[in-house]
């Protein structure tokens, strides 16, 4: 399981540690099926996927319910991993978890438009 977890989080961790000028303070890994379920029509809206990176500059990630994991990325921010198993948009538990985490992050002020300063 450790190797799979690393495979899941490595792209977002790499993005967080090697930011590019003009890039947003977030990164997300999600399927197109999940994106279609949560698409609000706002291209700047932050969507929470299987793995989501939120930079420290956006704010502190609050405690989240299990099985969600929060993994620090050095002093740069945090990775939020919704589930250690493969996330699928056809699994109602996975979708409900993403919705719950989105609500909690919104309350913490972290879901504001990624275009916002």
PDB file of N, CA and C in Angstrom:
ATOM      1  N   UNK A   1       0.816  -1.198   0.000  1.00  0.00           N
ATOM      2  CA  UNK A   1       0.000   0.000   0.000  1.00  0.00           C
ATOM      3  C   UNK A   1       0.857   1.260   0.000  1.00  0.00           C
ATOM      4  N   UNK A   2       1.997   1.249   0.652  1.00  0.00           N
ATOM      5  CA  UNK A   2       2.850   2.424   0.704  1.00  0.00           C
ATOM      6  C   UNK A   2       3.272   2.885  -0.677  1.00  0.00           C
ATOM      7  N   UNK A   3       3.616   1.938  -1.556  1.00  0.00           N
ATOM      8  CA  UNK A   3       4.027   2.295  -2.905  1.00  0.00           C
ATOM      9  C   UNK A   3       2.862   2.907  -3.678  1.00  0.00           C
ATOM     10  N   UNK A   4       1.666   2.356  -3.534  1.00  0.00           N
ATOM     11  CA  UNK A   4       0.495   2.905  -4.229  1.00  0.00           C
ATOM     12  C   UNK A   4       0.206   4.318  -3.736  1.00  0.00           C
ATOM     13  N   UNK A   5       0.279   4.526  -2.408  1.00  0.00           N
ATOM     14  CA  UNK A   5       0.025   5.849  -1.856  1.00  0.00           C
ATOM     15  C   UNK A   5       0.996   6.865  -2.436  1.00  0.00           C
ATOM     16  N   UNK A   6       2.248   6.485  -2.543  1.00  0.00           N
ATOM     17  CA  UNK A   6       3.246   7.399  -3.100  1.00  0.00           C
ATOM     18  C   UNK A   6       2.948   7.692  -4.568  1.00  0.00           C
ATOM     19  N   UNK A   7       2.512   6.687  -5.311  1.00  0.00           N
ATOM     20  CA  UNK A   7       2.169   6.880  -6.717  1.00  0.00           C
ATOM     21  C   UNK A   7       1.009   7.846  -6.858  1.00  0.00           C
ATOM     22  N   UNK A   8       0.056   7.759  -5.964  1.00  0.00           N
ATOM     23  CA  UNK A   8      -1.119   8.625  -6.010  1.00  0.00           C
ATOM     24  C   UNK A   8      -0.741  10.076  -5.726  1.00  0.00           C
ATOM     25  N   UNK A   9       0.107  10.313  -4.759  1.00  0.00           N
ATOM     26  CA  UNK A   9       0.397  11.675  -4.300  1.00  0.00           C
ATOM     27  C   UNK A   9       1.597  12.328  -4.965  1.00  0.00           C
ATOM     28  N   UNK A  10       2.463  11.565  -5.611  1.00  0.00           N
ATOM     29  CA  UNK A  10       3.716  12.115  -6.121  1.00  0.00           C
ATOM     30  C   UNK A  10       3.544  13.262  -7.116  1.00  0.00           C
ATOM     31  N   UNK A  11       2.626  13.172  -8.096  1.00  0.00           N
ATOM     32  CA  UNK A  11       2.506  14.318  -9.020  1.00  0.00           C
ATOM     33  C   UNK A  11       2.132  15.627  -8.319  1.00  0.00           C
ATOM     34  N   UNK A  12       1.205  15.578  -7.388  1.00  0.00           N
ATOM     35  CA  UNK A  12       0.811  16.806  -6.679  1.00  0.00           C
ATOM     36  C   UNK A  12       1.940  17.287  -5.773  1.00  0.00           C
ATOM     37  N   UNK A  13       2.633  16.372  -5.130  1.00  0.00           N
ATOM     38  CA  UNK A  13       3.764  16.744  -4.267  1.00  0.00           C
ATOM     39  C   UNK A  13       4.856  17.416  -5.102  1.00  0.00           C
ATOM     40  N   UNK A  14       5.140  16.867  -6.273  1.00  0.00           N
ATOM     41  CA  UNK A  14       6.157  17.445  -7.154  1.00  0.00           C
ATOM     42  C   UNK A  14       5.750  18.845  -7.600  1.00  0.00           C
ATOM     43  N   UNK A  15       4.484  19.016  -7.946  1.00  0.00           N
ATOM     44  CA  UNK A  15       3.970  20.325  -8.371  1.00  0.00           C
ATOM     45  C   UNK A  15       4.105  21.344  -7.243  1.00  0.00           C
ATOM     46  N   UNK A  16       3.828  20.899  -6.034  1.00  0.00           N
ATOM     47  CA  UNK A  16       3.896  21.798  -4.882  1.00  0.00           C
ATOM     48  C   UNK A  16       5.326  22.259  -4.612  1.00  0.00           C
ATOM     49  N   UNK A  17       6.275  21.375  -4.785  1.00  0.00           N
ATOM     50  CA  UNK A  17       7.661  21.698  -4.472  1.00  0.00           C
ATOM     51  C   UNK A  17       8.388  22.392  -5.619  1.00  0.00           C
ATOM     52  N   UNK A  18       7.800  22.386  -6.801  1.00  0.00           N
ATOM     53  CA  UNK A  18       8.400  23.051  -7.955  1.00  0.00           C
ATOM     54  C   UNK A  18       7.380  23.971  -8.611  1.00  0.00           C
ATOM     55  N   UNK A  19       6.929  24.982  -7.891  1.00  0.00           N
ATOM     56  CA  UNK A  19       5.916  25.876  -8.467  1.00  0.00           C
ATOM     57  C   UNK A  19       6.480  26.664  -9.638  1.00  0.00           C
ATOM     58  N   UNK A  20       5.606  27.015 -10.537  1.00  0.00           N
ATOM     59  CA  UNK A  20       5.979  27.807 -11.693  1.00  0.00           C
ATOM     60  C   UNK A  20       5.316  29.175 -11.577  1.00  0.00           C
ATOM     61  N   UNK A  21       5.994  30.228 -12.027  1.00  0.00           N
ATOM     62  CA  UNK A  21       5.390  31.562 -11.966  1.00  0.00           C
ATOM     63  C   UNK A  21       4.031  31.564 -12.651  1.00  0.00           C
ATOM     64  N   UNK A  22       3.065  32.202 -12.013  1.00  0.00           N
ATOM     65  CA  UNK A  22       1.733  32.302 -12.582  1.00  0.00           C
ATOM     66  C   UNK A  22       0.828  31.117 -12.298  1.00  0.00           C
ATOM     67  N   UNK A  23       1.360  30.056 -11.691  1.00  0.00           N
ATOM     68  CA  UNK A  23       0.533  28.888 -11.383  1.00  0.00           C
ATOM     69  C   UNK A  23      -0.275  29.166 -10.123  1.00  0.00           C
ATOM     70  N   UNK A  24      -1.409  28.501 -10.028  1.00  0.00           N
ATOM     71  CA  UNK A  24      -2.266  28.703  -8.862  1.00  0.00           C
ATOM     72  C   UNK A  24      -1.676  28.011  -7.639  1.00  0.00           C
ATOM     73  N   UNK A  25      -2.308  28.234  -6.513  1.00  0.00           N
ATOM     74  CA  UNK A  25      -1.843  27.660  -5.245  1.00  0.00           C
ATOM     75  C   UNK A  25      -2.540  26.341  -4.945  1.00  0.00           C
ATOM     76  N   UNK A  26      -3.052  25.695  -5.990  1.00  0.00           N
ATOM     77  CA  UNK A  26      -3.733  24.418  -5.827  1.00  0.00           C
ATOM     78  C   UNK A  26      -3.358  23.479  -6.967  1.00  0.00           C
ATOM     79  N   UNK A  27      -3.608  22.203  -6.740  1.00  0.00           N
ATOM     80  CA  UNK A  27      -3.492  21.182  -7.778  1.00  0.00           C
ATOM     81  C   UNK A  27      -4.481  20.084  -7.408  1.00  0.00           C
ATOM     82  N   UNK A  28      -5.035  19.435  -8.402  1.00  0.00           N
ATOM     83  CA  UNK A  28      -6.026  18.399  -8.122  1.00  0.00           C
ATOM     84  C   UNK A  28      -5.882  17.250  -9.115  1.00  0.00           C
ATOM     85  N   UNK A  29      -6.066  16.034  -8.601  1.00  0.00           N
ATOM     86  CA  UNK A  29      -6.112  14.840  -9.440  1.00  0.00           C
ATOM     87  C   UNK A  29      -7.515  14.263  -9.326  1.00  0.00           C
ATOM     88  N   UNK A  30      -8.238  14.272 -10.456  1.00  0.00           N
ATOM     89  CA  UNK A  30      -9.596  13.738 -10.451  1.00  0.00           C
ATOM     90  C   UNK A  30      -9.941  13.223 -11.838  1.00  0.00           C
ATOM     91  N   UNK A  31     -10.861  12.293 -11.882  1.00  0.00           N
ATOM     92  CA  UNK A  31     -11.287  11.729 -13.162  1.00  0.00           C
ATOM     93  C   UNK A  31     -12.224  12.696 -13.870  1.00  0.00           C
ATOM     94  N   UNK A  32     -12.348  12.530 -15.171  1.00  0.00           N
ATOM     95  CA  UNK A  32     -13.275  13.376 -15.923  1.00  0.00           C
ATOM     96  C   UNK A  32     -14.719  13.098 -15.493  1.00  0.00           C
ATOM     97  N   UNK A  33     -15.019  11.851 -15.096  1.00  0.00           N
ATOM     98  CA  UNK A  33     -16.369  11.520 -14.620  1.00  0.00           C
ATOM     99  C   UNK A  33     -16.689  12.284 -13.337  1.00  0.00           C
ATOM    100  N   UNK A  34     -15.718  12.363 -12.427  1.00  0.00           N
ATOM    101  CA  UNK A  34     -15.939  13.117 -11.188  1.00  0.00           C
ATOM    102  C   UNK A  34     -16.033  14.610 -11.482  1.00  0.00           C
ATOM    103  N   UNK A  35     -15.209  15.097 -12.378  1.00  0.00           N
ATOM    104  CA  UNK A  35     -15.251  16.507 -12.754  1.00  0.00           C
ATOM    105  C   UNK A  35     -16.627  16.876 -13.300  1.00  0.00           C
ATOM    106  N   UNK A  36     -17.205  16.025 -14.126  1.00  0.00           N
ATOM    107  CA  UNK A  36     -18.534  16.298 -14.673  1.00  0.00           C
ATOM    108  C   UNK A  36     -19.585  16.367 -13.569  1.00  0.00           C
ATOM    109  N   UNK A  37     -19.433  15.562 -12.527  1.00  0.00           N
ATOM    110  CA  UNK A  37     -20.389  15.577 -11.419  1.00  0.00           C
ATOM    111  C   UNK A  37     -20.342  16.882 -10.624  1.00  0.00           C
ATOM    112  N   UNK A  38     -19.160  17.460 -10.488  1.00  0.00           N
ATOM    113  CA  UNK A  38     -18.989  18.624  -9.612  1.00  0.00           C
ATOM    114  C   UNK A  38     -18.779  19.932 -10.367  1.00  0.00           C
ATOM    115  N   UNK A  39     -18.804  19.894 -11.692  1.00  0.00           N
ATOM    116  CA  UNK A  39     -18.542  21.093 -12.478  1.00  0.00           C
ATOM    117  C   UNK A  39     -19.622  22.145 -12.246  1.00  0.00           C
ATOM    118  N   UNK A  40     -19.197  23.320 -11.822  1.00  0.00           N
ATOM    119  CA  UNK A  40     -20.124  24.425 -11.546  1.00  0.00           C
ATOM    120  C   UNK A  40     -20.213  25.388 -12.725  1.00  0.00           C
ATOM    121  N   UNK A  41     -19.387  25.173 -13.727  1.00  0.00           N
ATOM    122  CA  UNK A  41     -19.336  26.101 -14.843  1.00  0.00           C
ATOM    123  C   UNK A  41     -18.340  27.225 -14.627  1.00  0.00           C
ATOM    124  N   UNK A  42     -17.803  27.325 -13.417  1.00  0.00           N
ATOM    125  CA  UNK A  42     -16.815  28.352 -13.092  1.00  0.00           C
ATOM    126  C   UNK A  42     -15.423  27.740 -13.249  1.00  0.00           C
ATOM    127  N   UNK A  43     -14.696  28.113 -14.305  1.00  0.00           N
ATOM    128  CA  UNK A  43     -13.383  27.506 -14.521  1.00  0.00           C
ATOM    129  C   UNK A  43     -12.373  27.822 -13.411  1.00  0.00           C
ATOM    130  N   UNK A  44     -12.634  28.851 -12.608  1.00  0.00           N
ATOM    131  CA  UNK A  44     -11.710  29.215 -11.536  1.00  0.00           C
ATOM    132  C   UNK A  44     -12.083  28.575 -10.196  1.00  0.00           C
ATOM    133  N   UNK A  45     -13.185  27.822 -10.149  1.00  0.00           N
ATOM    134  CA  UNK A  45     -13.608  27.209  -8.891  1.00  0.00           C
ATOM    135  C   UNK A  45     -12.666  26.063  -8.512  1.00  0.00           C
ATOM    136  N   UNK A  46     -12.359  25.978  -7.235  1.00  0.00           N
ATOM    137  CA  UNK A  46     -11.535  24.876  -6.738  1.00  0.00           C
ATOM    138  C   UNK A  46     -12.412  23.650  -6.572  1.00  0.00           C
ATOM    139  N   UNK A  47     -12.016  22.574  -7.208  1.00  0.00           N
ATOM    140  CA  UNK A  47     -12.725  21.304  -7.075  1.00  0.00           C
ATOM    141  C   UNK A  47     -11.847  20.362  -6.276  1.00  0.00           C
ATOM    142  N   UNK A  48     -12.470  19.599  -5.398  1.00  0.00           N
ATOM    143  CA  UNK A  48     -11.729  18.659  -4.563  1.00  0.00           C
ATOM    144  C   UNK A  48     -11.776  17.285  -5.217  1.00  0.00           C
ATOM    145  N   UNK A  49     -10.610  16.740  -5.505  1.00  0.00           N
ATOM    146  CA  UNK A  49     -10.526  15.443  -6.168  1.00  0.00           C
ATOM    147  C   UNK A  49      -9.921  14.391  -5.268  1.00  0.00           C
ATOM    148  N   UNK A  50      -9.582  13.266  -5.873  1.00  0.00           N
ATOM    149  CA  UNK A  50      -8.983  12.156  -5.131  1.00  0.00           C
ATOM    150  C   UNK A  50      -7.794  12.665  -4.327  1.00  0.00           C
ATOM    151  N   UNK A  51      -6.932  13.437  -4.980  1.00  0.00           N
ATOM    152  CA  UNK A  51      -5.795  14.080  -4.303  1.00  0.00           C
ATOM    153  C   UNK A  51      -5.851  15.562  -4.640  1.00  0.00           C
ATOM    154  N   UNK A  52      -5.803  16.401  -3.617  1.00  0.00           N
ATOM    155  CA  UNK A  52      -5.852  17.845  -3.807  1.00  0.00           C
ATOM    156  C   UNK A  52      -4.712  18.479  -3.010  1.00  0.00           C
ATOM    157  N   UNK A  53      -3.985  19.379  -3.653  1.00  0.00           N
ATOM    158  CA  UNK A  53      -2.928  20.139  -2.978  1.00  0.00           C
ATOM    159  C   UNK A  53      -3.447  21.545  -2.733  1.00  0.00           C
ATOM    160  N   UNK A  54      -3.248  22.026  -1.513  1.00  0.00           N
ATOM    161  CA  UNK A  54      -3.589  23.404  -1.170  1.00  0.00           C
ATOM    162  C   UNK A  54      -2.354  24.051  -0.540  1.00  0.00           C
ATOM    163  N   UNK A  55      -1.908  25.132  -1.152  1.00  0.00           N
ATOM    164  CA  UNK A  55      -0.727  25.840  -0.654  1.00  0.00           C
ATOM    165  C   UNK A  55      -1.026  26.498   0.685  1.00  0.00           C
ATOM    166  N   UNK A  56      -0.013  26.576   1.507  1.00  0.00           N
ATOM    167  CA  UNK A  56      -0.123  27.185   2.835  1.00  0.00           C
ATOM    168  C   UNK A  56      -0.639  28.616   2.746  1.00  0.00           C
ATOM    169  N   UNK A  57      -0.279  29.335   1.692  1.00  0.00           N
ATOM    170  CA  UNK A  57      -0.697  30.732   1.537  1.00  0.00           C
ATOM    171  C   UNK A  57      -2.207  30.881   1.433  1.00  0.00           C
ATOM    172  N   UNK A  58      -2.923  29.820   1.057  1.00  0.00           N
ATOM    173  CA  UNK A  58      -4.393  29.880   0.982  1.00  0.00           C
ATOM    174  C   UNK A  58      -5.031  29.774   2.355  1.00  0.00           C
ATOM    175  N   UNK A  59      -4.306  29.169   3.317  1.00  0.00           N
ATOM    176  CA  UNK A  59      -4.832  29.019   4.666  1.00  0.00           C
ATOM    177  C   UNK A  59      -4.573  27.629   5.220  1.00  0.00           C
ATOM    178  N   UNK A  60      -4.953  27.436   6.472  1.00  0.00           N
ATOM    179  CA  UNK A  60      -4.725  26.160   7.159  1.00  0.00           C
ATOM    180  C   UNK A  60      -5.856  25.185   6.848  1.00  0.00           C
ATOM    181  N   UNK A  61      -5.471  23.963   6.493  1.00  0.00           N
ATOM    182  CA  UNK A  61      -6.455  22.910   6.241  1.00  0.00           C
ATOM    183  C   UNK A  61      -6.981  22.425   7.594  1.00  0.00           C
ATOM    184  N   UNK A  62      -8.306  22.435   7.774  1.00  0.00           N
ATOM    185  CA  UNK A  62      -8.881  21.994   9.053  1.00  0.00           C
ATOM    186  C   UNK A  62      -8.832  20.470   9.171  1.00  0.00           C
ATOM    187  N   UNK A  63      -9.070  19.938  10.370  1.00  0.00           N
ATOM    188  CA  UNK A  63      -9.177  18.479  10.508  1.00  0.00           C
ATOM    189  C   UNK A  63     -10.307  17.976   9.599  1.00  0.00           C
ATOM    190  N   UNK A  64     -10.078  16.841   8.984  1.00  0.00           N
ATOM    191  CA  UNK A  64     -11.058  16.256   8.072  1.00  0.00           C
ATOM    192  C   UNK A  64     -11.396  14.841   8.529  1.00  0.00           C
ATOM    193  N   UNK A  65     -12.610  14.366   8.220  1.00  0.00           N
ATOM    194  CA  UNK A  65     -13.046  13.054   8.705  1.00  0.00           C
ATOM    195  C   UNK A  65     -12.324  11.894   8.021  1.00  0.00           C
ATOM    196  N   UNK A  66     -12.114  10.820   8.772  1.00  0.00           N
ATOM    197  CA  UNK A  66     -11.521   9.599   8.214  1.00  0.00           C
ATOM    198  C   UNK A  66     -12.467   9.049   7.153  1.00  0.00           C
ATOM    199  N   UNK A  67     -11.929   8.466   6.120  1.00  0.00           N
ATOM    200  CA  UNK A  67     -10.557   8.025   5.903  1.00  0.00           C
ATOM    201  C   UNK A  67      -9.670   9.069   5.231  1.00  0.00           C
ATOM    202  N   UNK A  68     -10.123  10.310   5.158  1.00  0.00           N
ATOM    203  CA  UNK A  68      -9.348  11.368   4.507  1.00  0.00           C
ATOM    204  C   UNK A  68      -8.039  11.573   5.258  1.00  0.00           C
ATOM    205  N   UNK A  69      -6.954  11.712   4.494  1.00  0.00           N
ATOM    206  CA  UNK A  69      -5.634  11.980   5.083  1.00  0.00           C
ATOM    207  C   UNK A  69      -5.167  13.368   4.646  1.00  0.00           C
ATOM    208  N   UNK A  70      -4.492  14.033   5.553  1.00  0.00           N
ATOM    209  CA  UNK A  70      -3.837  15.301   5.246  1.00  0.00           C
ATOM    210  C   UNK A  70      -2.346  15.053   5.394  1.00  0.00           C
ATOM    211  N   UNK A  71      -1.603  15.261   4.320  1.00  0.00           N
ATOM    212  CA  UNK A  71      -0.160  15.033   4.329  1.00  0.00           C
ATOM    213  C   UNK A  71       0.559  16.352   4.093  1.00  0.00           C
ATOM    214  N   UNK A  72       1.442  16.748   5.009  1.00  0.00           N
ATOM    215  CA  UNK A  72       2.190  17.984   4.781  1.00  0.00           C
ATOM    216  C   UNK A  72       3.142  17.839   3.596  1.00  0.00           C
ATOM    217  N   UNK A  73       3.355  18.943   2.899  1.00  0.00           N
ATOM    218  CA  UNK A  73       4.323  19.004   1.804  1.00  0.00           C
ATOM    219  C   UNK A  73       5.356  20.031   2.225  1.00  0.00           C
ATOM    220  N   UNK A  74       6.378  19.532   2.907  1.00  0.00           N
ATOM    221  CA  UNK A  74       7.387  20.415   3.501  1.00  0.00           C
ATOM    222  C   UNK A  74       6.670  21.556   4.220  1.00  0.00           C
ATOM    223  N   UNK A  75       7.121  22.792   4.012  1.00  0.00           N
ATOM    224  CA  UNK A  75       6.445  23.948   4.600  1.00  0.00           C
ATOM    225  C   UNK A  75       5.577  24.656   3.566  1.00  0.00           C
ATOM    226  N   UNK A  76       5.327  23.993   2.450  1.00  0.00           N
ATOM    227  CA  UNK A  76       4.634  24.626   1.328  1.00  0.00           C
ATOM    228  C   UNK A  76       3.118  24.546   1.398  1.00  0.00           C
ATOM    229  N   UNK A  77       2.588  23.466   1.960  1.00  0.00           N
ATOM    230  CA  UNK A  77       1.138  23.286   1.978  1.00  0.00           C
ATOM    231  C   UNK A  77       0.773  21.878   2.395  1.00  0.00           C
ATOM    232  N   UNK A  78      -0.381  21.413   1.924  1.00  0.00           N
ATOM    233  CA  UNK A  78      -0.872  20.098   2.328  1.00  0.00           C
ATOM    234  C   UNK A  78      -1.532  19.379   1.164  1.00  0.00           C
ATOM    235  N   UNK A  79      -1.346  18.063   1.149  1.00  0.00           N
ATOM    236  CA  UNK A  79      -2.070  17.206   0.233  1.00  0.00           C
ATOM    237  C   UNK A  79      -3.252  16.632   0.991  1.00  0.00           C
ATOM    238  N   UNK A  80      -4.399  16.645   0.374  1.00  0.00           N
ATOM    239  CA  UNK A  80      -5.592  16.029   0.935  1.00  0.00           C
ATOM    240  C   UNK A  80      -5.871  14.805   0.071  1.00  0.00           C
ATOM    241  N   UNK A  81      -5.868  13.638   0.678  1.00  0.00           N
ATOM    242  CA  UNK A  81      -6.118  12.383  -0.032  1.00  0.00           C
ATOM    243  C   UNK A  81      -7.444  11.842   0.490  1.00  0.00           C
ATOM    244  N   UNK A  82      -8.458  11.806  -0.387  1.00  0.00           N
ATOM    245  CA  UNK A  82      -9.795  11.407   0.044  1.00  0.00           C
ATOM    246  C   UNK A  82      -9.890   9.949   0.462  1.00  0.00           C
ATOM    247  N   UNK A  83      -9.189   9.081  -0.237  1.00  0.00           N
ATOM    248  CA  UNK A  83      -9.243   7.657   0.074  1.00  0.00           C
ATOM    249  C   UNK A  83      -7.970   6.990  -0.419  1.00  0.00           C
ATOM    250  N   UNK A  84      -7.531   5.954   0.271  1.00  0.00           N
ATOM    251  CA  UNK A  84      -6.329   5.251  -0.154  1.00  0.00           C
ATOM    252  C   UNK A  84      -6.635   4.262  -1.269  1.00  0.00           C
ATOM    253  N   UNK A  85      -7.917   3.930  -1.447  1.00  0.00           N
ATOM    254  CA  UNK A  85      -8.280   3.073  -2.571  1.00  0.00           C
ATOM    255  C   UNK A  85      -8.535   3.933  -3.797  1.00  0.00           C
ATOM    256  N   UNK A  86      -8.655   3.313  -4.940  1.00  0.00           N
ATOM    257  CA  UNK A  86      -8.893   4.058  -6.179  1.00  0.00           C
ATOM    258  C   UNK A  86     -10.233   4.784  -6.085  1.00  0.00           C
ATOM    259  N   UNK A  87     -10.205   6.099  -6.224  1.00  0.00           N
ATOM    260  CA  UNK A  87     -11.415   6.922  -6.172  1.00  0.00           C
ATOM    261  C   UNK A  87     -12.179   6.737  -7.476  1.00  0.00           C
ATOM    262  N   UNK A  88     -13.476   6.460  -7.358  1.00  0.00           N
ATOM    263  CA  UNK A  88     -14.310   6.364  -8.556  1.00  0.00           C
ATOM    264  C   UNK A  88     -15.577   7.186  -8.360  1.00  0.00           C
ATOM    265  N   UNK A  89     -15.980   7.869  -9.414  1.00  0.00           N
ATOM    266  CA  UNK A  89     -17.184   8.685  -9.365  1.00  0.00           C
ATOM    267  C   UNK A  89     -18.443   7.830  -9.283  1.00  0.00           C
ATOM    268  N   UNK A  90     -18.325   6.548  -9.558  1.00  0.00           N
ATOM    269  CA  UNK A  90     -19.481   5.652  -9.471  1.00  0.00           C
ATOM    270  C   UNK A  90     -19.679   5.099  -8.056  1.00  0.00           C
ATOM    271  N   UNK A  91     -18.749   5.402  -7.155  1.00  0.00           N
ATOM    272  CA  UNK A  91     -18.864   4.947  -5.765  1.00  0.00           C
ATOM    273  C   UNK A  91     -19.502   6.080  -4.949  1.00  0.00           C
ATOM    274  N   UNK A  92     -20.753   5.881  -4.476  1.00  0.00           N
ATOM    275  CA  UNK A  92     -21.435   6.956  -3.743  1.00  0.00           C
ATOM    276  C   UNK A  92     -20.696   7.404  -2.484  1.00  0.00           C
ATOM    277  N   UNK A  93     -19.978   6.501  -1.825  1.00  0.00           N
ATOM    278  CA  UNK A  93     -19.202   6.880  -0.640  1.00  0.00           C
ATOM    279  C   UNK A  93     -18.070   7.828  -1.004  1.00  0.00           C
ATOM    280  N   UNK A  94     -17.423   7.581  -2.127  1.00  0.00           N
ATOM    281  CA  UNK A  94     -16.336   8.455  -2.567  1.00  0.00           C
ATOM    282  C   UNK A  94     -16.870   9.854  -2.888  1.00  0.00           C
ATOM    283  N   UNK A  95     -17.970   9.903  -3.622  1.00  0.00           N
ATOM    284  CA  UNK A  95     -18.554  11.189  -4.007  1.00  0.00           C
ATOM    285  C   UNK A  95     -19.025  11.945  -2.766  1.00  0.00           C
ATOM    286  N   UNK A  96     -19.647  11.239  -1.825  1.00  0.00           N
ATOM    287  CA  UNK A  96     -20.111  11.883  -0.585  1.00  0.00           C
ATOM    288  C   UNK A  96     -18.932  12.429   0.216  1.00  0.00           C
ATOM    289  N   UNK A  97     -17.843  11.683   0.261  1.00  0.00           N
ATOM    290  CA  UNK A  97     -16.649  12.142   0.973  1.00  0.00           C
ATOM    291  C   UNK A  97     -16.110  13.422   0.336  1.00  0.00           C
ATOM    292  N   UNK A  98     -16.046  13.454  -0.979  1.00  0.00           N
ATOM    293  CA  UNK A  98     -15.566  14.659  -1.684  1.00  0.00           C
ATOM    294  C   UNK A  98     -16.468  15.850  -1.392  1.00  0.00           C
ATOM    295  N   UNK A  99     -17.777  15.617  -1.375  1.00  0.00           N
ATOM    296  CA  UNK A  99     -18.716  16.710  -1.079  1.00  0.00           C
ATOM    297  C   UNK A  99     -18.541  17.211   0.349  1.00  0.00           C
ATOM    298  N   UNK A 100     -18.380  16.293   1.301  1.00  0.00           N
ATOM    299  CA  UNK A 100     -18.211  16.673   2.708  1.00  0.00           C
ATOM    300  C   UNK A 100     -16.912  17.469   2.896  1.00  0.00           C
ATOM    301  N   UNK A 101     -15.837  16.997   2.300  1.00  0.00           N
ATOM    302  CA  UNK A 101     -14.557  17.700   2.412  1.00  0.00           C
ATOM    303  C   UNK A 101     -14.656  19.083   1.760  1.00  0.00           C
ATOM    304  N   UNK A 102     -15.340  19.168   0.632  1.00  0.00           N
ATOM    305  CA  UNK A 102     -15.528  20.465  -0.020  1.00  0.00           C
ATOM    306  C   UNK A 102     -16.259  21.424   0.915  1.00  0.00           C
ATOM    307  N   UNK A 103     -17.302  20.947   1.580  1.00  0.00           N
ATOM    308  CA  UNK A 103     -18.049  21.791   2.529  1.00  0.00           C
ATOM    309  C   UNK A 103     -17.151  22.279   3.661  1.00  0.00           C
ATOM    310  N   UNK A 104     -16.359  21.376   4.227  1.00  0.00           N
ATOM    311  CA  UNK A 104     -15.483  21.737   5.350  1.00  0.00           C
ATOM    312  C   UNK A 104     -14.408  22.730   4.915  1.00  0.00           C
ATOM    313  N   UNK A 105     -13.844  22.516   3.737  1.00  0.00           N
ATOM    314  CA  UNK A 105     -12.822  23.436   3.234  1.00  0.00           C
ATOM    315  C   UNK A 105     -13.436  24.790   2.874  1.00  0.00           C
ATOM    316  N   UNK A 106     -14.677  24.769   2.390  1.00  0.00           N
ATOM    317  CA  UNK A 106     -15.368  26.020   2.088  1.00  0.00           C
ATOM    318  C   UNK A 106     -15.592  26.825   3.368  1.00  0.00           C
ATOM    319  N   UNK A 107     -16.017  26.162   4.431  1.00  0.00           N
ATOM    320  CA  UNK A 107     -16.204  26.842   5.723  1.00  0.00           C
ATOM    321  C   UNK A 107     -14.903  27.452   6.228  1.00  0.00           C
ATOM    322  N   UNK A 108     -13.783  26.797   5.903  1.00  0.00           N
ATOM    323  CA  UNK A 108     -12.468  27.295   6.324  1.00  0.00           C
ATOM    324  C   UNK A 108     -11.937  28.376   5.382  1.00  0.00           C
ATOM    325  N   UNK A 109     -12.703  28.692   4.344  1.00  0.00           N
ATOM    326  CA  UNK A 109     -12.294  29.739   3.410  1.00  0.00           C
ATOM    327  C   UNK A 109     -11.288  29.302   2.368  1.00  0.00           C
ATOM    328  N   UNK A 110     -11.162  27.999   2.153  1.00  0.00           N
ATOM    329  CA  UNK A 110     -10.140  27.488   1.241  1.00  0.00           C
ATOM    330  C   UNK A 110     -10.654  27.168  -0.155  1.00  0.00           C
ATOM    331  N   UNK A 111     -11.957  27.288  -0.379  1.00  0.00           N
ATOM    332  CA  UNK A 111     -12.525  26.911  -1.666  1.00  0.00           C
ATOM    333  C   UNK A 111     -12.841  28.130  -2.528  1.00  0.00           C
ATOM    334  N   UNK A 112     -12.377  29.284  -2.094  1.00  0.00           N
ATOM    335  CA  UNK A 112     -12.601  30.477  -2.921  1.00  0.00           C
ATOM    336  C   UNK A 112     -11.962  30.275  -4.279  1.00  0.00           C
ATOM    337  N   UNK A 113     -12.347  31.055  -5.219  1.00  0.00           N
ATOM    338  CA  UNK A 113     -11.857  30.948  -6.582  1.00  0.00           C
ATOM    339  C   UNK A 113     -10.330  30.884  -6.585  1.00  0.00           C
ATOM    340  N   UNK A 114      -9.788  29.980  -7.407  1.00  0.00           N
ATOM    341  CA  UNK A 114      -8.334  29.881  -7.490  1.00  0.00           C
ATOM    342  C   UNK A 114      -7.741  31.085  -8.206  1.00  0.00           C
ATOM    343  N   UNK A 115      -8.586  31.899  -8.839  1.00  0.00           N
ATOM    344  CA  UNK A 115      -8.120  33.120  -9.469  1.00  0.00           C
ATOM    345  C   UNK A 115      -7.989  34.264  -8.470  1.00  0.00           C
ATOM    346  N   UNK A 116      -8.552  34.061  -7.260  1.00  0.00           N
ATOM    347  CA  UNK A 116      -8.477  35.098  -6.232  1.00  0.00           C
ATOM    348  C   UNK A 116      -7.054  35.214  -5.720  1.00  0.00           C
ATOM    349  N   UNK A 117      -6.620  36.413  -5.307  1.00  0.00           N
ATOM    350  CA  UNK A 117      -5.251  36.579  -4.796  1.00  0.00           C
ATOM    351  C   UNK A 117      -5.035  35.857  -3.496  1.00  0.00           C
TER     352      UNK A 117
END
